[in-house]
Amino acid sequence: MTTAQDLVNAQLYASEDAVIEDALRHLLRARPDLRVNLAIYRYQHEDISLAQAAMLAGVSWPQMSEILVARGIPLRIGPASLDEARAEVESLRQALQ
């Protein structure tokens, strides 16, 4: 079995962390269900906005809303602070680019 250190030793990556980051990026790209579940977890436990969860999940804001409702997860509508509102606007800008 190949290890992260094998890839570093072959000078294919600068560090084991770089190997892990690349592997996770490819895993999440290949498994959209994991992206959605991770977004749901972060929405529930890390206080990210609905727009941020949608961007992480790779779905639209209305789709993320539907996913959360279907799973019985209460929606947090509206930002709680000006900083949160600004972060949500920035997330939406990035998603629309």
PDB file of N, CA and C in Angstrom:
ATOM      1  N   MET A   1       0.836  -1.173   0.000  1.00  0.00           N
ATOM      2  CA  MET A   1       0.000   0.000   0.000  1.00  0.00           C
ATOM      3  C   MET A   1       0.888   1.245   0.000  1.00  0.00           C
ATOM      4  N   THR A   2       0.518   2.221  -0.764  1.00  0.00           N
ATOM      5  CA  THR A   2       1.249   3.478  -0.835  1.00  0.00           C
ATOM      6  C   THR A   2       0.852   4.371   0.321  1.00  0.00           C
ATOM      7  N   THR A   3       1.830   5.020   0.908  1.00  0.00           N
ATOM      8  CA  THR A   3       1.563   5.936   2.009  1.00  0.00           C
ATOM      9  C   THR A   3       1.795   7.374   1.550  1.00  0.00           C
ATOM     10  N   ALA A   4       1.319   8.303   2.348  1.00  0.00           N
ATOM     11  CA  ALA A   4       1.545   9.719   2.054  1.00  0.00           C
ATOM     12  C   ALA A   4       3.043  10.007   2.022  1.00  0.00           C
ATOM     13  N   GLN A   5       3.779   9.397   2.913  1.00  0.00           N
ATOM     14  CA  GLN A   5       5.232   9.616   2.948  1.00  0.00           C
ATOM     15  C   GLN A   5       5.897   9.119   1.671  1.00  0.00           C
ATOM     16  N   ASP A   6       5.387   8.030   1.077  1.00  0.00           N
ATOM     17  CA  ASP A   6       5.940   7.547  -0.198  1.00  0.00           C
ATOM     18  C   ASP A   6       5.836   8.624  -1.276  1.00  0.00           C
ATOM     19  N   LEU A   7       4.725   9.322  -1.305  1.00  0.00           N
ATOM     20  CA  LEU A   7       4.530  10.375  -2.307  1.00  0.00           C
ATOM     21  C   LEU A   7       5.434  11.574  -2.044  1.00  0.00           C
ATOM     22  N   VAL A   8       5.677  11.862  -0.769  1.00  0.00           N
ATOM     23  CA  VAL A   8       6.607  12.942  -0.415  1.00  0.00           C
ATOM     24  C   VAL A   8       8.032  12.536  -0.785  1.00  0.00           C
ATOM     25  N   ASN A   9       8.416  11.299  -0.459  1.00  0.00           N
ATOM     26  CA  ASN A   9       9.764  10.809  -0.772  1.00  0.00           C
ATOM     27  C   ASN A   9      10.029  10.814  -2.278  1.00  0.00           C
ATOM     28  N   ALA A  10       9.004  10.561  -3.069  1.00  0.00           N
ATOM     29  CA  ALA A  10       9.140  10.576  -4.536  1.00  0.00           C
ATOM     30  C   ALA A  10       9.119  11.999  -5.085  1.00  0.00           C
ATOM     31  N   GLN A  11       9.039  12.976  -4.188  1.00  0.00           N
ATOM     32  CA  GLN A  11       9.022  14.396  -4.531  1.00  0.00           C
ATOM     33  C   GLN A  11       7.820  14.773  -5.402  1.00  0.00           C
ATOM     34  N   LEU A  12       6.716  14.066  -5.180  1.00  0.00           N
ATOM     35  CA  LEU A  12       5.475  14.386  -5.881  1.00  0.00           C
ATOM     36  C   LEU A  12       4.667  15.422  -5.112  1.00  0.00           C
ATOM     37  N   TYR A  13       4.914  15.528  -3.805  1.00  0.00           N
ATOM     38  CA  TYR A  13       4.264  16.506  -2.927  1.00  0.00           C
ATOM     39  C   TYR A  13       5.315  17.058  -1.974  1.00  0.00           C
ATOM     40  N   ALA A  14       5.070  18.258  -1.507  1.00  0.00           N
ATOM     41  CA  ALA A  14       6.016  18.904  -0.592  1.00  0.00           C
ATOM     42  C   ALA A  14       5.930  18.357   0.828  1.00  0.00           C
ATOM     43  N   SER A  15       4.748  17.871   1.218  1.00  0.00           N
ATOM     44  CA  SER A  15       4.568  17.389   2.587  1.00  0.00           C
ATOM     45  C   SER A  15       3.419  16.393   2.643  1.00  0.00           C
ATOM     46  N   GLU A  16       3.335  15.694   3.768  1.00  0.00           N
ATOM     47  CA  GLU A  16       2.224  14.771   3.969  1.00  0.00           C
ATOM     48  C   GLU A  16       0.906  15.537   4.034  1.00  0.00           C
ATOM     49  N   ASP A  17       0.925  16.735   4.609  1.00  0.00           N
ATOM     50  CA  ASP A  17      -0.289  17.560   4.657  1.00  0.00           C
ATOM     51  C   ASP A  17      -0.781  17.880   3.247  1.00  0.00           C
ATOM     52  N   ALA A  18       0.135  18.153   2.334  1.00  0.00           N
ATOM     53  CA  ALA A  18      -0.249  18.448   0.944  1.00  0.00           C
ATOM     54  C   ALA A  18      -0.888  17.216   0.293  1.00  0.00           C
ATOM     55  N   VAL A  19      -0.366  16.043   0.598  1.00  0.00           N
ATOM     56  CA  VAL A  19      -0.947  14.797   0.078  1.00  0.00           C
ATOM     57  C   VAL A  19      -2.375  14.638   0.588  1.00  0.00           C
ATOM     58  N   ILE A  20      -2.554  14.841   1.883  1.00  0.00           N
ATOM     59  CA  ILE A  20      -3.871  14.670   2.504  1.00  0.00           C
ATOM     60  C   ILE A  20      -4.865  15.685   1.957  1.00  0.00           C
ATOM     61  N   GLU A  21      -4.446  16.946   1.828  1.00  0.00           N
ATOM     62  CA  GLU A  21      -5.346  17.971   1.276  1.00  0.00           C
ATOM     63  C   GLU A  21      -5.789  17.617  -0.138  1.00  0.00           C
ATOM     64  N   ASP A  22      -4.839  17.158  -0.972  1.00  0.00           N
ATOM     65  CA  ASP A  22      -5.182  16.787  -2.344  1.00  0.00           C
ATOM     66  C   ASP A  22      -6.109  15.572  -2.367  1.00  0.00           C
ATOM     67  N   ALA A  23      -5.826  14.592  -1.521  1.00  0.00           N
ATOM     68  CA  ALA A  23      -6.667  13.396  -1.453  1.00  0.00           C
ATOM     69  C   ALA A  23      -8.086  13.745  -1.012  1.00  0.00           C
ATOM     70  N   LEU A  24      -8.209  14.615  -0.010  1.00  0.00           N
ATOM     71  CA  LEU A  24      -9.538  15.024   0.454  1.00  0.00           C
ATOM     72  C   LEU A  24     -10.291  15.789  -0.623  1.00  0.00           C
ATOM     73  N   ARG A  25      -9.581  16.673  -1.326  1.00  0.00           N
ATOM     74  CA  ARG A  25     -10.217  17.435  -2.407  1.00  0.00           C
ATOM     75  C   ARG A  25     -10.791  16.484  -3.470  1.00  0.00           C
ATOM     76  N   HIS A  26     -10.001  15.468  -3.848  1.00  0.00           N
ATOM     77  CA  HIS A  26     -10.468  14.511  -4.847  1.00  0.00           C
ATOM     78  C   HIS A  26     -11.602  13.634  -4.314  1.00  0.00           C
ATOM     79  N   LEU A  27     -11.511  13.247  -3.057  1.00  0.00           N
ATOM     80  CA  LEU A  27     -12.571  12.441  -2.441  1.00  0.00           C
ATOM     81  C   LEU A  27     -13.891  13.200  -2.438  1.00  0.00           C
ATOM     82  N   LEU A  28     -13.859  14.450  -2.015  1.00  0.00           N
ATOM     83  CA  LEU A  28     -15.094  15.238  -1.954  1.00  0.00           C
ATOM     84  C   LEU A  28     -15.642  15.539  -3.341  1.00  0.00           C
ATOM     85  N   ARG A  29     -14.770  15.659  -4.326  1.00  0.00           N
ATOM     86  CA  ARG A  29     -15.220  15.870  -5.705  1.00  0.00           C
ATOM     87  C   ARG A  29     -15.902  14.602  -6.240  1.00  0.00           C
ATOM     88  N   ALA A  30     -15.373  13.448  -5.875  1.00  0.00           N
ATOM     89  CA  ALA A  30     -15.912  12.177  -6.363  1.00  0.00           C
ATOM     90  C   ALA A  30     -17.152  11.724  -5.604  1.00  0.00           C
ATOM     91  N   ARG A  31     -17.331  12.216  -4.388  1.00  0.00           N
ATOM     92  CA  ARG A  31     -18.442  11.776  -3.543  1.00  0.00           C
ATOM     93  C   ARG A  31     -19.278  12.967  -3.093  1.00  0.00           C
ATOM     94  N   PRO A  32     -20.189  13.448  -3.948  1.00  0.00           N
ATOM     95  CA  PRO A  32     -21.024  14.593  -3.578  1.00  0.00           C
ATOM     96  C   PRO A  32     -21.824  14.368  -2.296  1.00  0.00           C
ATOM     97  N   ASP A  33     -22.170  13.127  -1.995  1.00  0.00           N
ATOM     98  CA  ASP A  33     -22.915  12.839  -0.768  1.00  0.00           C
ATOM     99  C   ASP A  33     -22.098  13.218   0.465  1.00  0.00           C
ATOM    100  N   LEU A  34     -20.788  13.022   0.404  1.00  0.00           N
ATOM    101  CA  LEU A  34     -19.935  13.419   1.529  1.00  0.00           C
ATOM    102  C   LEU A  34     -19.892  14.930   1.673  1.00  0.00           C
ATOM    103  N   ARG A  35     -19.863  15.641   0.522  1.00  0.00           N
ATOM    104  CA  ARG A  35     -19.867  17.104   0.577  1.00  0.00           C
ATOM    105  C   ARG A  35     -21.134  17.616   1.244  1.00  0.00           C
ATOM    106  N   VAL A  36     -22.274  17.030   0.888  1.00  0.00           N
ATOM    107  CA  VAL A  36     -23.549  17.452   1.471  1.00  0.00           C
ATOM    108  C   VAL A  36     -23.562  17.152   2.966  1.00  0.00           C
ATOM    109  N   ASN A  37     -23.157  15.958   3.343  1.00  0.00           N
ATOM    110  CA  ASN A  37     -23.156  15.588   4.761  1.00  0.00           C
ATOM    111  C   ASN A  37     -22.184  16.439   5.567  1.00  0.00           C
ATOM    112  N   LEU A  38     -21.040  16.771   4.993  1.00  0.00           N
ATOM    113  CA  LEU A  38     -20.091  17.649   5.671  1.00  0.00           C
ATOM    114  C   LEU A  38     -20.686  19.047   5.834  1.00  0.00           C
ATOM    115  N   ALA A  39     -21.346  19.535   4.801  1.00  0.00           N
ATOM    116  CA  ALA A  39     -21.980  20.857   4.876  1.00  0.00           C
ATOM    117  C   ALA A  39     -23.062  20.875   5.955  1.00  0.00           C
ATOM    118  N   ILE A  40     -23.839  19.820   6.041  1.00  0.00           N
ATOM    119  CA  ILE A  40     -24.879  19.729   7.066  1.00  0.00           C
ATOM    120  C   ILE A  40     -24.244  19.721   8.454  1.00  0.00           C
ATOM    121  N   TYR A  41     -23.212  18.929   8.624  1.00  0.00           N
ATOM    122  CA  TYR A  41     -22.528  18.877   9.922  1.00  0.00           C
ATOM    123  C   TYR A  41     -22.022  20.258  10.305  1.00  0.00           C
ATOM    124  N   ARG A  42     -21.351  20.935   9.377  1.00  0.00           N
ATOM    125  CA  ARG A  42     -20.789  22.251   9.685  1.00  0.00           C
ATOM    126  C   ARG A  42     -21.895  23.273   9.933  1.00  0.00           C
ATOM    127  N   TYR A  43     -23.010  23.169   9.212  1.00  0.00           N
ATOM    128  CA  TYR A  43     -24.137  24.072   9.426  1.00  0.00           C
ATOM    129  C   TYR A  43     -24.676  23.907  10.847  1.00  0.00           C
ATOM    130  N   GLN A  44     -24.747  22.669  11.308  1.00  0.00           N
ATOM    131  CA  GLN A  44     -25.287  22.398  12.637  1.00  0.00           C
ATOM    132  C   GLN A  44     -24.299  22.700  13.768  1.00  0.00           C
ATOM    133  N   HIS A  45     -23.021  22.473  13.537  1.00  0.00           N
ATOM    134  CA  HIS A  45     -22.052  22.531  14.628  1.00  0.00           C
ATOM    135  C   HIS A  45     -21.073  23.693  14.575  1.00  0.00           C
ATOM    136  N   GLU A  46     -20.900  24.315  13.430  1.00  0.00           N
ATOM    137  CA  GLU A  46     -19.901  25.373  13.321  1.00  0.00           C
ATOM    138  C   GLU A  46     -20.521  26.725  13.010  1.00  0.00           C
ATOM    139  N   ASP A  47     -21.819  26.795  12.986  1.00  0.00           N
ATOM    140  CA  ASP A  47     -22.510  28.056  12.781  1.00  0.00           C
ATOM    141  C   ASP A  47     -22.168  28.734  11.457  1.00  0.00           C
ATOM    142  N   ILE A  48     -22.004  27.930  10.385  1.00  0.00           N
ATOM    143  CA  ILE A  48     -21.837  28.533   9.060  1.00  0.00           C
ATOM    144  C   ILE A  48     -23.220  28.878   8.523  1.00  0.00           C
ATOM    145  N   SER A  49     -23.272  29.809   7.603  1.00  0.00           N
ATOM    146  CA  SER A  49     -24.556  30.249   7.056  1.00  0.00           C
ATOM    147  C   SER A  49     -25.101  29.225   6.059  1.00  0.00           C
ATOM    148  N   LEU A  50     -26.346  29.395   5.718  1.00  0.00           N
ATOM    149  CA  LEU A  50     -26.979  28.544   4.709  1.00  0.00           C
ATOM    150  C   LEU A  50     -26.255  28.683   3.378  1.00  0.00           C
ATOM    151  N   ALA A  51     -25.888  29.904   3.012  1.00  0.00           N
ATOM    152  CA  ALA A  51     -25.161  30.131   1.754  1.00  0.00           C
ATOM    153  C   ALA A  51     -23.799  29.445   1.780  1.00  0.00           C
ATOM    154  N   GLN A  52     -23.107  29.513   2.914  1.00  0.00           N
ATOM    155  CA  GLN A  52     -21.805  28.850   3.028  1.00  0.00           C
ATOM    156  C   GLN A  52     -21.963  27.335   2.960  1.00  0.00           C
ATOM    157  N   ALA A  53     -22.996  26.809   3.591  1.00  0.00           N
ATOM    158  CA  ALA A  53     -23.254  25.368   3.536  1.00  0.00           C
ATOM    159  C   ALA A  53     -23.559  24.938   2.103  1.00  0.00           C
ATOM    160  N   ALA A  54     -24.344  25.739   1.398  1.00  0.00           N
ATOM    161  CA  ALA A  54     -24.675  25.420   0.007  1.00  0.00           C
ATOM    162  C   ALA A  54     -23.420  25.400  -0.849  1.00  0.00           C
ATOM    163  N   MET A  55     -22.551  26.380  -0.663  1.00  0.00           N
ATOM    164  CA  MET A  55     -21.317  26.435  -1.440  1.00  0.00           C
ATOM    165  C   MET A  55     -20.441  25.218  -1.141  1.00  0.00           C
ATOM    166  N   LEU A  56     -20.314  24.859   0.118  1.00  0.00           N
ATOM    167  CA  LEU A  56     -19.528  23.694   0.504  1.00  0.00           C
ATOM    168  C   LEU A  56     -20.117  22.413  -0.092  1.00  0.00           C
ATOM    169  N   ALA A  57     -21.442  22.315  -0.087  1.00  0.00           N
ATOM    170  CA  ALA A  57     -22.109  21.124  -0.601  1.00  0.00           C
ATOM    171  C   ALA A  57     -22.116  21.060  -2.123  1.00  0.00           C
ATOM    172  N   GLY A  58     -21.879  22.209  -2.765  1.00  0.00           N
ATOM    173  CA  GLY A  58     -21.905  22.235  -4.226  1.00  0.00           C
ATOM    174  C   GLY A  58     -23.308  22.264  -4.795  1.00  0.00           C
ATOM    175  N   VAL A  59     -24.230  22.837  -4.031  1.00  0.00           N
ATOM    176  CA  VAL A  59     -25.620  22.945  -4.477  1.00  0.00           C
ATOM    177  C   VAL A  59     -26.057  24.404  -4.344  1.00  0.00           C
ATOM    178  N   SER A  60     -27.206  24.713  -4.897  1.00  0.00           N
ATOM    179  CA  SER A  60     -27.721  26.067  -4.793  1.00  0.00           C
ATOM    180  C   SER A  60     -28.276  26.307  -3.381  1.00  0.00           C
ATOM    181  N   TRP A  61     -28.463  27.598  -3.068  1.00  0.00           N
ATOM    182  CA  TRP A  61     -29.039  27.962  -1.775  1.00  0.00           C
ATOM    183  C   TRP A  61     -30.414  27.320  -1.586  1.00  0.00           C
ATOM    184  N   PRO A  62     -31.333  27.403  -2.579  1.00  0.00           N
ATOM    185  CA  PRO A  62     -32.640  26.758  -2.387  1.00  0.00           C
ATOM    186  C   PRO A  62     -32.539  25.238  -2.223  1.00  0.00           C
ATOM    187  N   GLN A  63     -31.601  24.602  -2.953  1.00  0.00           N
ATOM    188  CA  GLN A  63     -31.432  23.152  -2.805  1.00  0.00           C
ATOM    189  C   GLN A  63     -30.950  22.795  -1.404  1.00  0.00           C
ATOM    190  N   MET A  64     -30.010  23.579  -0.881  1.00  0.00           N
ATOM    191  CA  MET A  64     -29.500  23.303   0.466  1.00  0.00           C
ATOM    192  C   MET A  64     -30.606  23.473   1.487  1.00  0.00           C
ATOM    193  N   SER A  65     -31.421  24.482   1.295  1.00  0.00           N
ATOM    194  CA  SER A  65     -32.554  24.705   2.183  1.00  0.00           C
ATOM    195  C   SER A  65     -33.486  23.498   2.170  1.00  0.00           C
ATOM    196  N   GLU A  66     -33.777  22.987   0.989  1.00  0.00           N
ATOM    197  CA  GLU A  66     -34.652  21.812   0.861  1.00  0.00           C
ATOM    198  C   GLU A  66     -34.044  20.581   1.515  1.00  0.00           C
ATOM    199  N   ILE A  67     -32.728  20.397   1.349  1.00  0.00           N
ATOM    200  CA  ILE A  67     -32.043  19.250   1.949  1.00  0.00           C
ATOM    201  C   ILE A  67     -32.153  19.317   3.467  1.00  0.00           C
ATOM    202  N   LEU A  68     -31.911  20.487   4.026  1.00  0.00           N
ATOM    203  CA  LEU A  68     -31.985  20.634   5.477  1.00  0.00           C
ATOM    204  C   LEU A  68     -33.400  20.388   5.991  1.00  0.00           C
ATOM    205  N   VAL A  69     -34.380  20.956   5.325  1.00  0.00           N
ATOM    206  CA  VAL A  69     -35.775  20.766   5.735  1.00  0.00           C
ATOM    207  C   VAL A  69     -36.160  19.288   5.644  1.00  0.00           C
ATOM    208  N   ALA A  70     -35.754  18.630   4.555  1.00  0.00           N
ATOM    209  CA  ALA A  70     -36.074  17.209   4.370  1.00  0.00           C
ATOM    210  C   ALA A  70     -35.469  16.350   5.471  1.00  0.00           C
ATOM    211  N   ARG A  71     -34.351  16.772   6.015  1.00  0.00           N
ATOM    212  CA  ARG A  71     -33.687  16.019   7.083  1.00  0.00           C
ATOM    213  C   ARG A  71     -34.104  16.488   8.472  1.00  0.00           C
ATOM    214  N   GLY A  72     -35.071  17.391   8.512  1.00  0.00           N
ATOM    215  CA  GLY A  72     -35.593  17.848   9.795  1.00  0.00           C
ATOM    216  C   GLY A  72     -34.669  18.794  10.549  1.00  0.00           C
ATOM    217  N   ILE A  73     -33.801  19.469   9.826  1.00  0.00           N
ATOM    218  CA  ILE A  73     -32.860  20.394  10.455  1.00  0.00           C
ATOM    219  C   ILE A  73     -33.431  21.800  10.354  1.00  0.00           C
ATOM    220  N   PRO A  74     -33.611  22.471  11.470  1.00  0.00           N
ATOM    221  CA  PRO A  74     -34.199  23.815  11.436  1.00  0.00           C
ATOM    222  C   PRO A  74     -33.291  24.807  10.724  1.00  0.00           C
ATOM    223  N   LEU A  75     -33.911  25.649   9.931  1.00  0.00           N
ATOM    224  CA  LEU A  75     -33.169  26.680   9.208  1.00  0.00           C
ATOM    225  C   LEU A  75     -32.958  27.884  10.108  1.00  0.00           C
ATOM    226  N   ARG A  76     -31.793  28.468  10.003  1.00  0.00           N
ATOM    227  CA  ARG A  76     -31.504  29.736  10.672  1.00  0.00           C
ATOM    228  C   ARG A  76     -31.654  30.799   9.592  1.00  0.00           C
ATOM    229  N   ILE A  77     -32.745  31.485   9.615  1.00  0.00           N
ATOM    230  CA  ILE A  77     -33.041  32.473   8.579  1.00  0.00           C
ATOM    231  C   ILE A  77     -32.525  33.833   9.016  1.00  0.00           C
ATOM    232  N   GLY A  78     -31.767  34.434   8.158  1.00  0.00           N
ATOM    233  CA  GLY A  78     -31.261  35.777   8.418  1.00  0.00           C
ATOM    234  C   GLY A  78     -30.010  35.773   9.256  1.00  0.00           C
ATOM    235  N   PRO A  79     -29.110  36.691   8.963  1.00  0.00           N
ATOM    236  CA  PRO A  79     -27.866  36.772   9.728  1.00  0.00           C
ATOM    237  C   PRO A  79     -28.107  37.295  11.136  1.00  0.00           C
ATOM    238  N   ALA A  80     -27.288  36.823  12.059  1.00  0.00           N
ATOM    239  CA  ALA A  80     -27.406  37.244  13.452  1.00  0.00           C
ATOM    240  C   ALA A  80     -26.625  38.530  13.722  1.00  0.00           C
ATOM    241  N   SER A  81     -25.689  38.854  12.812  1.00  0.00           N
ATOM    242  CA  SER A  81     -24.884  40.059  13.017  1.00  0.00           C
ATOM    243  C   SER A  81     -24.507  40.649  11.665  1.00  0.00           C
ATOM    244  N   LEU A  82     -23.987  41.853  11.686  1.00  0.00           N
ATOM    245  CA  LEU A  82     -23.541  42.498  10.465  1.00  0.00           C
ATOM    246  C   LEU A  82     -22.382  41.728   9.842  1.00  0.00           C
ATOM    247  N   ASP A  83     -21.468  41.219  10.655  1.00  0.00           N
ATOM    248  CA  ASP A  83     -20.344  40.430  10.138  1.00  0.00           C
ATOM    249  C   ASP A  83     -20.843  39.170   9.445  1.00  0.00           C
ATOM    250  N   GLU A  84     -21.845  38.512  10.034  1.00  0.00           N
ATOM    251  CA  GLU A  84     -22.409  37.314   9.416  1.00  0.00           C
ATOM    252  C   GLU A  84     -23.083  37.663   8.095  1.00  0.00           C
ATOM    253  N   ALA A  85     -23.772  38.784   8.028  1.00  0.00           N
ATOM    254  CA  ALA A  85     -24.413  39.222   6.791  1.00  0.00           C
ATOM    255  C   ALA A  85     -23.368  39.473   5.711  1.00  0.00           C
ATOM    256  N   ARG A  86     -22.278  40.130   6.093  1.00  0.00           N
ATOM    257  CA  ARG A  86     -21.199  40.380   5.122  1.00  0.00           C
ATOM    258  C   ARG A  86     -20.584  39.072   4.637  1.00  0.00           C
ATOM    259  N   ALA A  87     -20.378  38.118   5.537  1.00  0.00           N
ATOM    260  CA  ALA A  87     -19.813  36.823   5.156  1.00  0.00           C
ATOM    261  C   ALA A  87     -20.744  36.086   4.213  1.00  0.00           C
ATOM    262  N   GLU A  88     -22.044  36.185   4.456  1.00  0.00           N
ATOM    263  CA  GLU A  88     -23.014  35.528   3.584  1.00  0.00           C
ATOM    264  C   GLU A  88     -23.024  36.168   2.202  1.00  0.00           C
ATOM    265  N   VAL A  89     -22.953  37.477   2.141  1.00  0.00           N
ATOM    266  CA  VAL A  89     -22.901  38.177   0.854  1.00  0.00           C
ATOM    267  C   VAL A  89     -21.651  37.758   0.086  1.00  0.00           C
ATOM    268  N   GLU A  90     -20.518  37.680   0.779  1.00  0.00           N
ATOM    269  CA  GLU A  90     -19.269  37.271   0.119  1.00  0.00           C
ATOM    270  C   GLU A  90     -19.360  35.833  -0.377  1.00  0.00           C
ATOM    271  N   SER A  91     -19.960  34.939   0.393  1.00  0.00           N
ATOM    272  CA  SER A  91     -20.132  33.546  -0.035  1.00  0.00           C
ATOM    273  C   SER A  91     -21.004  33.464  -1.282  1.00  0.00           C
ATOM    274  N   LEU A  92     -22.052  34.250  -1.311  1.00  0.00           N
ATOM    275  CA  LEU A  92     -22.928  34.266  -2.484  1.00  0.00           C
ATOM    276  C   LEU A  92     -22.201  34.825  -3.703  1.00  0.00           C
ATOM    277  N   ARG A  93     -21.383  35.858  -3.512  1.00  0.00           N
ATOM    278  CA  ARG A  93     -20.600  36.402  -4.623  1.00  0.00           C
ATOM    279  C   ARG A  93     -19.685  35.346  -5.202  1.00  0.00           C
ATOM    280  N   GLN A  94     -19.004  34.625  -4.336  1.00  0.00           N
ATOM    281  CA  GLN A  94     -18.079  33.562  -4.791  1.00  0.00           C
ATOM    282  C   GLN A  94     -18.833  32.467  -5.522  1.00  0.00           C
ATOM    283  N   ALA A  95     -19.991  32.115  -5.034  1.00  0.00           N
ATOM    284  CA  ALA A  95     -20.772  31.046  -5.656  1.00  0.00           C
ATOM    285  C   ALA A  95     -21.289  31.464  -7.035  1.00  0.00           C
ATOM    286  N   LEU A  96     -21.500  32.746  -7.233  1.00  0.00           N
ATOM    287  CA  LEU A  96     -22.029  33.232  -8.509  1.00  0.00           C
ATOM    288  C   LEU A  96     -20.957  33.503  -9.553  1.00  0.00           C
ATOM    289  N   GLN A  97     -19.703  33.435  -9.170  1.00  0.00           N
ATOM    290  CA  GLN A  97     -18.610  33.694 -10.120  1.00  0.00           C
ATOM    291  C   GLN A  97     -18.352  32.515 -11.005  1.00  0.00           C
TER     292      GLN A  97
END
